[in-house]
PDB file of N, CA and C in Angstrom:
ATOM      1  N   MET A   1       9.959 -18.019   6.812  1.00  0.00           N
ATOM      2  CA  MET A   1      10.437 -18.686   5.612  1.00  0.00           C
ATOM      3  C   MET A   1       9.257 -18.895   4.661  1.00  0.00           C
ATOM      4  N   GLY A   2       9.492 -18.783   3.373  1.00  0.00           N
ATOM      5  CA  GLY A   2       8.457 -19.014   2.376  1.00  0.00           C
ATOM      6  C   GLY A   2       8.525 -20.444   1.847  1.00  0.00           C
ATOM      7  N   TYR A   3       7.384 -21.119   1.830  1.00  0.00           N
ATOM      8  CA  TYR A   3       7.300 -22.496   1.342  1.00  0.00           C
ATOM      9  C   TYR A   3       6.533 -22.514   0.035  1.00  0.00           C
ATOM     10  N   GLU A   4       7.022 -23.295  -0.924  1.00  0.00           N
ATOM     11  CA  GLU A   4       6.390 -23.397  -2.232  1.00  0.00           C
ATOM     12  C   GLU A   4       5.703 -24.750  -2.368  1.00  0.00           C
ATOM     13  N   PHE A   5       4.443 -24.706  -2.788  1.00  0.00           N
ATOM     14  CA  PHE A   5       3.661 -25.920  -2.993  1.00  0.00           C
ATOM     15  C   PHE A   5       2.495 -25.576  -3.904  1.00  0.00           C
ATOM     16  N   THR A   6       1.824 -26.603  -4.388  1.00  0.00           N
ATOM     17  CA  THR A   6       0.703 -26.433  -5.302  1.00  0.00           C
ATOM     18  C   THR A   6      -0.510 -27.163  -4.750  1.00  0.00           C
ATOM     19  N   LEU A   7      -1.655 -26.505  -4.779  1.00  0.00           N
ATOM     20  CA  LEU A   7      -2.919 -27.135  -4.413  1.00  0.00           C
ATOM     21  C   LEU A   7      -3.724 -27.389  -5.676  1.00  0.00           C
ATOM     22  N   VAL A   8      -4.239 -28.605  -5.805  1.00  0.00           N
ATOM     23  CA  VAL A   8      -5.152 -28.939  -6.897  1.00  0.00           C
ATOM     24  C   VAL A   8      -6.555 -28.644  -6.395  1.00  0.00           C
ATOM     25  N   LEU A   9      -7.292 -27.829  -7.142  1.00  0.00           N
ATOM     26  CA  LEU A   9      -8.619 -27.380  -6.728  1.00  0.00           C
ATOM     27  C   LEU A   9      -9.718 -28.238  -7.339  1.00  0.00           C
ATOM     28  N   ASP A  10     -10.910 -28.158  -6.746  1.00  0.00           N
ATOM     29  CA  ASP A  10     -12.026 -28.979  -7.195  1.00  0.00           C
ATOM     30  C   ASP A  10     -12.659 -28.500  -8.496  1.00  0.00           C
ATOM     31  N   ARG A  11     -12.342 -27.271  -8.896  1.00  0.00           N
ATOM     32  CA  ARG A  11     -12.911 -26.763 -10.153  1.00  0.00           C
ATOM     33  C   ARG A  11     -12.106 -25.553 -10.623  1.00  0.00           C
ATOM     34  N   GLN A  12     -12.348 -25.179 -11.848  1.00  0.00           N
ATOM     35  CA  GLN A  12     -11.734 -23.976 -12.412  1.00  0.00           C
ATOM     36  C   GLN A  12     -12.380 -22.768 -11.759  1.00  0.00           C
ATOM     37  N   PRO A  13     -11.609 -21.884 -11.142  1.00  0.00           N
ATOM     38  CA  PRO A  13     -12.218 -20.716 -10.500  1.00  0.00           C
ATOM     39  C   PRO A  13     -12.796 -19.740 -11.525  1.00  0.00           C
ATOM     40  N   SER A  14     -14.011 -19.283 -11.243  1.00  0.00           N
ATOM     41  CA  SER A  14     -14.610 -18.215 -12.043  1.00  0.00           C
ATOM     42  C   SER A  14     -13.991 -16.893 -11.598  1.00  0.00           C
ATOM     43  N   ASP A  15     -14.370 -15.805 -12.255  1.00  0.00           N
ATOM     44  CA  ASP A  15     -13.879 -14.497 -11.820  1.00  0.00           C
ATOM     45  C   ASP A  15     -14.305 -14.203 -10.385  1.00  0.00           C
ATOM     46  N   ASP A  16     -15.542 -14.578 -10.045  1.00  0.00           N
ATOM     47  CA  ASP A  16     -16.019 -14.375  -8.675  1.00  0.00           C
ATOM     48  C   ASP A  16     -15.231 -15.236  -7.687  1.00  0.00           C
ATOM     49  N   ASP A  17     -14.917 -16.479  -8.086  1.00  0.00           N
ATOM     50  CA  ASP A  17     -14.100 -17.359  -7.234  1.00  0.00           C
ATOM     51  C   ASP A  17     -12.716 -16.756  -7.015  1.00  0.00           C
ATOM     52  N   LEU A  18     -12.128 -16.211  -8.072  1.00  0.00           N
ATOM     53  CA  LEU A  18     -10.796 -15.609  -7.942  1.00  0.00           C
ATOM     54  C   LEU A  18     -10.832 -14.427  -6.978  1.00  0.00           C
ATOM     55  N   ASP A  19     -11.895 -13.632  -7.040  1.00  0.00           N
ATOM     56  CA  ASP A  19     -12.056 -12.534  -6.079  1.00  0.00           C
ATOM     57  C   ASP A  19     -12.153 -13.080  -4.656  1.00  0.00           C
ATOM     58  N   ALA A  20     -12.956 -14.136  -4.488  1.00  0.00           N
ATOM     59  CA  ALA A  20     -13.123 -14.739  -3.163  1.00  0.00           C
ATOM     60  C   ALA A  20     -11.808 -15.334  -2.653  1.00  0.00           C
ATOM     61  N   LEU A  21     -11.046 -15.970  -3.533  1.00  0.00           N
ATOM     62  CA  LEU A  21      -9.748 -16.527  -3.145  1.00  0.00           C
ATOM     63  C   LEU A  21      -8.806 -15.415  -2.688  1.00  0.00           C
ATOM     64  N   PHE A  22      -8.772 -14.348  -3.441  1.00  0.00           N
ATOM     65  CA  PHE A  22      -7.922 -13.215  -3.081  1.00  0.00           C
ATOM     66  C   PHE A  22      -8.355 -12.633  -1.734  1.00  0.00           C
ATOM     67  N   ASN A  23      -9.659 -12.440  -1.559  1.00  0.00           N
ATOM     68  CA  ASN A  23     -10.180 -11.850  -0.329  1.00  0.00           C
ATOM     69  C   ASN A  23     -10.028 -12.767   0.879  1.00  0.00           C
ATOM     70  N   SER A  24      -9.923 -14.070   0.652  1.00  0.00           N
ATOM     71  CA  SER A  24      -9.766 -15.007   1.767  1.00  0.00           C
ATOM     72  C   SER A  24      -8.305 -15.168   2.193  1.00  0.00           C
ATOM     73  N   GLY A  25      -7.381 -14.561   1.434  1.00  0.00           N
ATOM     74  CA  GLY A  25      -5.978 -14.615   1.842  1.00  0.00           C
ATOM     75  C   GLY A  25      -5.034 -15.271   0.854  1.00  0.00           C
ATOM     76  N   CYS A  26      -5.530 -15.650  -0.295  1.00  0.00           N
ATOM     77  CA  CYS A  26      -4.679 -16.322  -1.292  1.00  0.00           C
ATOM     78  C   CYS A  26      -3.954 -15.320  -2.187  1.00  0.00           C
ATOM     79  N   VAL A  27      -3.458 -14.262  -1.590  1.00  0.00           N
ATOM     80  CA  VAL A  27      -2.736 -13.240  -2.352  1.00  0.00           C
ATOM     81  C   VAL A  27      -1.333 -13.711  -2.733  1.00  0.00           C
ATOM     82  N   ASP A  28      -0.906 -14.828  -2.153  1.00  0.00           N
ATOM     83  CA  ASP A  28       0.421 -15.380  -2.413  1.00  0.00           C
ATOM     84  C   ASP A  28       0.373 -16.553  -3.391  1.00  0.00           C
ATOM     85  N   ALA A  29      -0.688 -16.613  -4.191  1.00  0.00           N
ATOM     86  CA  ALA A  29      -0.870 -17.732  -5.112  1.00  0.00           C
ATOM     87  C   ALA A  29      -1.135 -17.243  -6.529  1.00  0.00           C
ATOM     88  N   ILE A  30      -0.770 -18.099  -7.464  1.00  0.00           N
ATOM     89  CA  ILE A  30      -1.082 -17.894  -8.878  1.00  0.00           C
ATOM     90  C   ILE A  30      -1.938 -19.084  -9.294  1.00  0.00           C
ATOM     91  N   PHE A  31      -3.095 -18.813  -9.865  1.00  0.00           N
ATOM     92  CA  PHE A  31      -4.025 -19.874 -10.265  1.00  0.00           C
ATOM     93  C   PHE A  31      -3.975 -20.060 -11.772  1.00  0.00           C
ATOM     94  N   GLU A  32      -4.009 -21.341 -12.188  1.00  0.00           N
ATOM     95  CA  GLU A  32      -3.977 -21.664 -13.607  1.00  0.00           C
ATOM     96  C   GLU A  32      -4.534 -23.066 -13.818  1.00  0.00           C
ATOM     97  N   THR A  33      -4.700 -23.427 -15.076  1.00  0.00           N
ATOM     98  CA  THR A  33      -5.051 -24.793 -15.440  1.00  0.00           C
ATOM     99  C   THR A  33      -3.791 -25.464 -15.964  1.00  0.00           C
ATOM    100  N   LEU A  34      -3.462 -26.600 -15.393  1.00  0.00           N
ATOM    101  CA  LEU A  34      -2.240 -27.321 -15.738  1.00  0.00           C
ATOM    102  C   LEU A  34      -2.582 -28.776 -15.990  1.00  0.00           C
ATOM    103  N   ASP A  35      -2.361 -29.244 -17.208  1.00  0.00           N
ATOM    104  CA  ASP A  35      -2.687 -30.623 -17.587  1.00  0.00           C
ATOM    105  C   ASP A  35      -4.133 -30.981 -17.251  1.00  0.00           C
ATOM    106  N   GLY A  36      -5.042 -30.046 -17.487  1.00  0.00           N
ATOM    107  CA  GLY A  36      -6.458 -30.285 -17.265  1.00  0.00           C
ATOM    108  C   GLY A  36      -6.933 -30.083 -15.833  1.00  0.00           C
ATOM    109  N   ALA A  37      -6.017 -29.805 -14.915  1.00  0.00           N
ATOM    110  CA  ALA A  37      -6.385 -29.601 -13.513  1.00  0.00           C
ATOM    111  C   ALA A  37      -6.263 -28.122 -13.154  1.00  0.00           C
ATOM    112  N   SER A  38      -7.175 -27.665 -12.332  1.00  0.00           N
ATOM    113  CA  SER A  38      -7.102 -26.297 -11.830  1.00  0.00           C
ATOM    114  C   SER A  38      -6.210 -26.304 -10.601  1.00  0.00           C
ATOM    115  N   VAL A  39      -5.177 -25.473 -10.613  1.00  0.00           N
ATOM    116  CA  VAL A  39      -4.196 -25.479  -9.529  1.00  0.00           C
ATOM    117  C   VAL A  39      -3.910 -24.065  -9.046  1.00  0.00           C
ATOM    118  N   GLY A  40      -3.439 -24.003  -7.811  1.00  0.00           N
ATOM    119  CA  GLY A  40      -2.945 -22.762  -7.246  1.00  0.00           C
ATOM    120  C   GLY A  40      -1.527 -22.985  -6.768  1.00  0.00           C
ATOM    121  N   HIS A  41      -0.600 -22.215  -7.300  1.00  0.00           N
ATOM    122  CA  HIS A  41       0.807 -22.302  -6.894  1.00  0.00           C
ATOM    123  C   HIS A  41       1.031 -21.274  -5.789  1.00  0.00           C
ATOM    124  N   PHE A  42       1.422 -21.745  -4.617  1.00  0.00           N
ATOM    125  CA  PHE A  42       1.591 -20.878  -3.458  1.00  0.00           C
ATOM    126  C   PHE A  42       3.051 -20.708  -3.092  1.00  0.00           C
ATOM    127  N   VAL A  43       3.386 -19.532  -2.610  1.00  0.00           N
ATOM    128  CA  VAL A  43       4.642 -19.258  -1.916  1.00  0.00           C
ATOM    129  C   VAL A  43       4.200 -18.596  -0.618  1.00  0.00           C
ATOM    130  N   ARG A  44       4.062 -19.415   0.425  1.00  0.00           N
ATOM    131  CA  ARG A  44       3.449 -18.943   1.669  1.00  0.00           C
ATOM    132  C   ARG A  44       4.459 -18.905   2.797  1.00  0.00           C
ATOM    133  N   LYS A  45       4.471 -17.801   3.499  1.00  0.00           N
ATOM    134  CA  LYS A  45       5.338 -17.651   4.665  1.00  0.00           C
ATOM    135  C   LYS A  45       4.640 -18.242   5.880  1.00  0.00           C
ATOM    136  N   ALA A  46       5.385 -19.081   6.610  1.00  0.00           N
ATOM    137  CA  ALA A  46       4.853 -19.711   7.818  1.00  0.00           C
ATOM    138  C   ALA A  46       6.019 -20.291   8.613  1.00  0.00           C
ATOM    139  N   GLN A  47       5.709 -20.767   9.798  1.00  0.00           N
ATOM    140  CA  GLN A  47       6.729 -21.375  10.654  1.00  0.00           C
ATOM    141  C   GLN A  47       7.174 -22.743  10.139  1.00  0.00           C
ATOM    142  N   SER A  48       6.307 -23.409   9.373  1.00  0.00           N
ATOM    143  CA  SER A  48       6.638 -24.740   8.843  1.00  0.00           C
ATOM    144  C   SER A  48       5.857 -24.963   7.553  1.00  0.00           C
ATOM    145  N   LEU A  49       6.262 -25.960   6.802  1.00  0.00           N
ATOM    146  CA  LEU A  49       5.542 -26.323   5.583  1.00  0.00           C
ATOM    147  C   LEU A  49       4.125 -26.752   5.921  1.00  0.00           C
ATOM    148  N   THR A  50       3.980 -27.531   6.986  1.00  0.00           N
ATOM    149  CA  THR A  50       2.651 -27.994   7.393  1.00  0.00           C
ATOM    150  C   THR A  50       1.733 -26.817   7.699  1.00  0.00           C
ATOM    151  N   ALA A  51       2.239 -25.829   8.426  1.00  0.00           N
ATOM    152  CA  ALA A  51       1.434 -24.646   8.743  1.00  0.00           C
ATOM    153  C   ALA A  51       1.085 -23.868   7.478  1.00  0.00           C
ATOM    154  N   ALA A  52       2.015 -23.776   6.546  1.00  0.00           N
ATOM    155  CA  ALA A  52       1.767 -23.059   5.293  1.00  0.00           C
ATOM    156  C   ALA A  52       0.661 -23.742   4.488  1.00  0.00           C
ATOM    157  N   ILE A  53       0.752 -25.052   4.357  1.00  0.00           N
ATOM    158  CA  ILE A  53      -0.254 -25.793   3.590  1.00  0.00           C
ATOM    159  C   ILE A  53      -1.612 -25.729   4.278  1.00  0.00           C
ATOM    160  N   SER A  54      -1.621 -25.935   5.585  1.00  0.00           N
ATOM    161  CA  SER A  54      -2.877 -25.912   6.330  1.00  0.00           C
ATOM    162  C   SER A  54      -3.585 -24.568   6.181  1.00  0.00           C
ATOM    163  N   SER A  55      -2.846 -23.480   6.271  1.00  0.00           N
ATOM    164  CA  SER A  55      -3.485 -22.166   6.142  1.00  0.00           C
ATOM    165  C   SER A  55      -3.977 -21.927   4.724  1.00  0.00           C
ATOM    166  N   ALA A  56      -3.252 -22.415   3.717  1.00  0.00           N
ATOM    167  CA  ALA A  56      -3.693 -22.248   2.333  1.00  0.00           C
ATOM    168  C   ALA A  56      -4.966 -23.051   2.069  1.00  0.00           C
ATOM    169  N   VAL A  57      -5.020 -24.287   2.571  1.00  0.00           N
ATOM    170  CA  VAL A  57      -6.224 -25.114   2.412  1.00  0.00           C
ATOM    171  C   VAL A  57      -7.408 -24.423   3.085  1.00  0.00           C
ATOM    172  N   HIS A  58      -7.197 -23.882   4.265  1.00  0.00           N
ATOM    173  CA  HIS A  58      -8.253 -23.156   4.977  1.00  0.00           C
ATOM    174  C   HIS A  58      -8.725 -21.958   4.152  1.00  0.00           C
ATOM    175  N   ASP A  59      -7.787 -21.196   3.594  1.00  0.00           N
ATOM    176  CA  ASP A  59      -8.158 -20.021   2.801  1.00  0.00           C
ATOM    177  C   ASP A  59      -8.959 -20.408   1.560  1.00  0.00           C
ATOM    178  N   VAL A  60      -8.567 -21.509   0.912  1.00  0.00           N
ATOM    179  CA  VAL A  60      -9.296 -21.992  -0.266  1.00  0.00           C
ATOM    180  C   VAL A  60     -10.723 -22.383   0.134  1.00  0.00           C
ATOM    181  N   GLU A  61     -10.861 -23.091   1.261  1.00  0.00           N
ATOM    182  CA  GLU A  61     -12.190 -23.484   1.726  1.00  0.00           C
ATOM    183  C   GLU A  61     -13.022 -22.264   2.108  1.00  0.00           C
ATOM    184  N   HIS A  62     -12.405 -21.290   2.720  1.00  0.00           N
ATOM    185  CA  HIS A  62     -13.112 -20.057   3.103  1.00  0.00           C
ATOM    186  C   HIS A  62     -13.656 -19.351   1.858  1.00  0.00           C
ATOM    187  N   ALA A  63     -12.987 -19.514   0.722  1.00  0.00           N
ATOM    188  CA  ALA A  63     -13.437 -18.918  -0.540  1.00  0.00           C
ATOM    189  C   ALA A  63     -14.526 -19.750  -1.222  1.00  0.00           C
ATOM    190  N   GLY A  64     -14.890 -20.889  -0.626  1.00  0.00           N
ATOM    191  CA  GLY A  64     -15.956 -21.716  -1.185  1.00  0.00           C
ATOM    192  C   GLY A  64     -15.498 -22.791  -2.136  1.00  0.00           C
ATOM    193  N   MET A  65     -14.203 -23.038  -2.177  1.00  0.00           N
ATOM    194  CA  MET A  65     -13.665 -24.085  -3.045  1.00  0.00           C
ATOM    195  C   MET A  65     -13.044 -25.172  -2.166  1.00  0.00           C
ATOM    196  N   HIS A  66     -12.597 -26.256  -2.797  1.00  0.00           N
ATOM    197  CA  HIS A  66     -12.000 -27.361  -2.047  1.00  0.00           C
ATOM    198  C   HIS A  66     -10.681 -27.785  -2.685  1.00  0.00           C
ATOM    199  N   THR A  67      -9.804 -28.266  -1.843  1.00  0.00           N
ATOM    200  CA  THR A  67      -8.508 -28.790  -2.292  1.00  0.00           C
ATOM    201  C   THR A  67      -8.633 -30.287  -2.481  1.00  0.00           C
ATOM    202  N   LEU A  68      -8.208 -30.785  -3.634  1.00  0.00           N
ATOM    203  CA  LEU A  68      -8.242 -32.212  -3.916  1.00  0.00           C
ATOM    204  C   LEU A  68      -6.909 -32.899  -3.631  1.00  0.00           C
ATOM    205  N   GLU A  69      -5.821 -32.139  -3.775  1.00  0.00           N
ATOM    206  CA  GLU A  69      -4.491 -32.736  -3.637  1.00  0.00           C
ATOM    207  C   GLU A  69      -3.474 -31.635  -3.369  1.00  0.00           C
ATOM    208  N   VAL A  70      -2.416 -32.008  -2.669  1.00  0.00           N
ATOM    209  CA  VAL A  70      -1.280 -31.117  -2.459  1.00  0.00           C
ATOM    210  C   VAL A  70      -0.112 -31.697  -3.233  1.00  0.00           C
ATOM    211  N   ARG A  71       0.535 -30.860  -4.009  1.00  0.00           N
ATOM    212  CA  ARG A  71       1.710 -31.294  -4.779  1.00  0.00           C
ATOM    213  C   ARG A  71       2.918 -30.495  -4.335  1.00  0.00           C
ATOM    214  N   ARG A  72       4.032 -31.127  -4.320  1.00  0.00           N
ATOM    215  CA  ARG A  72       5.245 -30.411  -3.932  1.00  0.00           C
ATOM    216  C   ARG A  72       5.880 -29.770  -5.147  1.00  0.00           C
ATOM    217  N   ASP A  73       6.427 -28.636  -4.926  1.00  0.00           N
ATOM    218  CA  ASP A  73       7.219 -27.978  -5.949  1.00  0.00           C
ATOM    219  C   ASP A  73       8.665 -28.395  -5.704  1.00  0.00           C
ATOM    220  N   GLU A  74       9.454 -28.408  -6.732  1.00  0.00           N
ATOM    221  CA  GLU A  74      10.843 -28.834  -6.592  1.00  0.00           C
ATOM    222  C   GLU A  74      11.607 -27.878  -5.685  1.00  0.00           C
ATOM    223  N   ILE A  75      12.405 -28.467  -4.824  1.00  0.00           N
ATOM    224  CA  ILE A  75      13.249 -27.662  -3.952  1.00  0.00           C
ATOM    225  C   ILE A  75      14.701 -27.991  -4.249  1.00  0.00           C
ATOM    226  N   GLY A  76      15.562 -27.040  -4.013  1.00  0.00           N
ATOM    227  CA  GLY A  76      16.955 -27.178  -4.390  1.00  0.00           C
ATOM    228  C   GLY A  76      17.824 -27.990  -3.452  1.00  0.00           C
ATOM    229  N   GLU A  77      17.525 -27.983  -2.152  1.00  0.00           N
ATOM    230  CA  GLU A  77      18.407 -28.625  -1.200  1.00  0.00           C
ATOM    231  C   GLU A  77      18.064 -30.107  -1.044  1.00  0.00           C
ATOM    232  N   PRO A  78      18.959 -31.005  -1.485  1.00  0.00           N
ATOM    233  CA  PRO A  78      18.678 -32.439  -1.402  1.00  0.00           C
ATOM    234  C   PRO A  78      18.409 -32.919   0.026  1.00  0.00           C
ATOM    235  N   ARG A  79      19.038 -32.307   1.014  1.00  0.00           N
ATOM    236  CA  ARG A  79      18.848 -32.759   2.389  1.00  0.00           C
ATOM    237  C   ARG A  79      17.423 -32.507   2.875  1.00  0.00           C
ATOM    238  N   LEU A  80      16.708 -31.595   2.242  1.00  0.00           N
ATOM    239  CA  LEU A  80      15.339 -31.279   2.652  1.00  0.00           C
ATOM    240  C   LEU A  80      14.286 -32.076   1.889  1.00  0.00           C
ATOM    241  N   GLN A  81      14.681 -32.762   0.823  1.00  0.00           N
ATOM    242  CA  GLN A  81      13.697 -33.411  -0.042  1.00  0.00           C
ATOM    243  C   GLN A  81      12.899 -34.499   0.672  1.00  0.00           C
ATOM    244  N   ALA A  82      13.538 -35.320   1.486  1.00  0.00           N
ATOM    245  CA  ALA A  82      12.820 -36.386   2.188  1.00  0.00           C
ATOM    246  C   ALA A  82      11.842 -35.806   3.207  1.00  0.00           C
ATOM    247  N   GLU A  83      12.278 -34.794   3.947  1.00  0.00           N
ATOM    248  CA  GLU A  83      11.398 -34.155   4.929  1.00  0.00           C
ATOM    249  C   GLU A  83      10.216 -33.495   4.226  1.00  0.00           C
ATOM    250  N   TYR A  84      10.491 -32.827   3.133  1.00  0.00           N
ATOM    251  CA  TYR A  84       9.455 -32.156   2.349  1.00  0.00           C
ATOM    252  C   TYR A  84       8.440 -33.172   1.843  1.00  0.00           C
ATOM    253  N   ALA A  85       8.915 -34.314   1.351  1.00  0.00           N
ATOM    254  CA  ALA A  85       8.027 -35.366   0.842  1.00  0.00           C
ATOM    255  C   ALA A  85       7.131 -35.905   1.960  1.00  0.00           C
ATOM    256  N   ARG A  86       7.675 -36.090   3.160  1.00  0.00           N
ATOM    257  CA  ARG A  86       6.870 -36.567   4.293  1.00  0.00           C
ATOM    258  C   ARG A  86       5.774 -35.557   4.653  1.00  0.00           C
ATOM    259  N   GLU A  87       6.129 -34.286   4.660  1.00  0.00           N
ATOM    260  CA  GLU A  87       5.138 -33.265   5.010  1.00  0.00           C
ATOM    261  C   GLU A  87       4.055 -33.146   3.945  1.00  0.00           C
ATOM    262  N   ILE A  88       4.411 -33.301   2.679  1.00  0.00           N
ATOM    263  CA  ILE A  88       3.411 -33.275   1.604  1.00  0.00           C
ATOM    264  C   ILE A  88       2.478 -34.472   1.738  1.00  0.00           C
ATOM    265  N   ALA A  89       3.029 -35.653   2.054  1.00  0.00           N
ATOM    266  CA  ALA A  89       2.192 -36.841   2.247  1.00  0.00           C
ATOM    267  C   ALA A  89       1.225 -36.626   3.407  1.00  0.00           C
ATOM    268  N   ALA A  90       1.703 -36.055   4.496  1.00  0.00           N
ATOM    269  CA  ALA A  90       0.831 -35.770   5.644  1.00  0.00           C
ATOM    270  C   ALA A  90      -0.243 -34.754   5.268  1.00  0.00           C
ATOM    271  N   ALA A  91       0.118 -33.759   4.477  1.00  0.00           N
ATOM    272  CA  ALA A  91      -0.855 -32.758   4.044  1.00  0.00           C
ATOM    273  C   ALA A  91      -1.939 -33.395   3.181  1.00  0.00           C
ATOM    274  N   ASN A  92      -1.558 -34.325   2.317  1.00  0.00           N
ATOM    275  CA  ASN A  92      -2.557 -35.002   1.486  1.00  0.00           C
ATOM    276  C   ASN A  92      -3.502 -35.838   2.340  1.00  0.00           C
ATOM    277  N   MET A  93      -2.981 -36.443   3.403  1.00  0.00           N
ATOM    278  CA  MET A  93      -3.853 -37.190   4.320  1.00  0.00           C
ATOM    279  C   MET A  93      -4.838 -36.234   4.996  1.00  0.00           C
ATOM    280  N   MET A  94      -4.375 -35.032   5.366  1.00  0.00           N
ATOM    281  CA  MET A  94      -5.249 -34.028   5.969  1.00  0.00           C
ATOM    282  C   MET A  94      -6.348 -33.626   4.982  1.00  0.00           C
ATOM    283  N   VAL A  95      -5.970 -33.383   3.735  1.00  0.00           N
ATOM    284  CA  VAL A  95      -6.942 -32.975   2.710  1.00  0.00           C
ATOM    285  C   VAL A  95      -7.987 -34.072   2.516  1.00  0.00           C
ATOM    286  N   GLN A  96      -7.554 -35.316   2.439  1.00  0.00           N
ATOM    287  CA  GLN A  96      -8.495 -36.427   2.255  1.00  0.00           C
ATOM    288  C   GLN A  96      -9.422 -36.577   3.461  1.00  0.00           C
ATOM    289  N   THR A  97      -8.885 -36.396   4.660  1.00  0.00           N
ATOM    290  CA  THR A  97      -9.703 -36.482   5.875  1.00  0.00           C
ATOM    291  C   THR A  97     -10.746 -35.374   5.900  1.00  0.00           C
ATOM    292  N   ARG A  98     -10.345 -34.159   5.537  1.00  0.00           N
ATOM    293  CA  ARG A  98     -11.289 -33.041   5.491  1.00  0.00           C
ATOM    294  C   ARG A  98     -12.397 -33.318   4.474  1.00  0.00           C
ATOM    295  N   ALA A  99     -12.037 -33.868   3.324  1.00  0.00           N
ATOM    296  CA  ALA A  99     -13.038 -34.182   2.297  1.00  0.00           C
ATOM    297  C   ALA A  99     -13.997 -35.263   2.795  1.00  0.00           C
ATOM    298  N   PHE A 100     -13.462 -36.277   3.463  1.00  0.00           N
ATOM    299  CA  PHE A 100     -14.299 -37.353   4.002  1.00  0.00           C
ATOM    300  C   PHE A 100     -15.276 -36.807   5.041  1.00  0.00           C
ATOM    301  N   LEU A 101     -14.768 -35.988   5.965  1.00  0.00           N
ATOM    302  CA  LEU A 101     -15.635 -35.421   7.006  1.00  0.00           C
ATOM    303  C   LEU A 101     -16.695 -34.499   6.428  1.00  0.00           C
ATOM    304  N   ALA A 102     -16.328 -33.723   5.416  1.00  0.00           N
ATOM    305  CA  ALA A 102     -17.312 -32.844   4.759  1.00  0.00           C
ATOM    306  C   ALA A 102     -18.413 -33.667   4.095  1.00  0.00           C
ATOM    307  N   ALA A 103     -18.016 -34.768   3.454  1.00  0.00           N
ATOM    308  CA  ALA A 103     -19.005 -35.638   2.812  1.00  0.00           C
ATOM    309  C   ALA A 103     -19.917 -36.278   3.851  1.00  0.00           C
ATOM    310  N   GLN A 104     -19.363 -36.667   4.981  1.00  0.00           N
ATOM    311  CA  GLN A 104     -20.171 -37.260   6.045  1.00  0.00           C
ATOM    312  C   GLN A 104     -21.180 -36.256   6.594  1.00  0.00           C
ATOM    313  N   ARG A 105     -20.738 -35.012   6.772  1.00  0.00           N
ATOM    314  CA  ARG A 105     -21.634 -33.971   7.296  1.00  0.00           C
ATOM    315  C   ARG A 105     -22.771 -33.667   6.330  1.00  0.00           C
ATOM    316  N   SER A 106     -22.474 -33.746   5.027  1.00  0.00           N
ATOM    317  CA  SER A 106     -23.500 -33.409   4.037  1.00  0.00           C
ATOM    318  C   SER A 106     -24.352 -34.622   3.649  1.00  0.00           C
ATOM    319  N   GLY A 107     -24.030 -35.765   4.243  1.00  0.00           N
ATOM    320  CA  GLY A 107     -24.812 -36.967   3.965  1.00  0.00           C
ATOM    321  C   GLY A 107     -24.396 -37.690   2.707  1.00  0.00           C
ATOM    322  N   GLY A 108     -23.250 -37.280   2.124  1.00  0.00           N
ATOM    323  CA  GLY A 108     -22.774 -37.890   0.874  1.00  0.00           C
ATOM    324  C   GLY A 108     -21.782 -38.872   1.141  1.00  0.00           C
TER     325      GLY A 108
END
């Protein structure tokens, strides 16, 4: 199943960053600036939304960038909205934990 979500990135990708993102596996994303934030809109196939987001965050990090926030894209089925919201909240906690641990490792 394909899951749709948006990652807010730590900076505007340069041409070299876009190449690195593509080479790291972000071939299922469109990158743009939206309301002043650099974002990547993903449609990622995975066993679950959590797995899709986790792999996208990993791919972004492998390209040398960082995810600041996970945003949900609108979904059509009302019965899935609450579950989707819970998984997005959990993904944001994962992103914040990764950022905290990275800062601790770098002494920041």
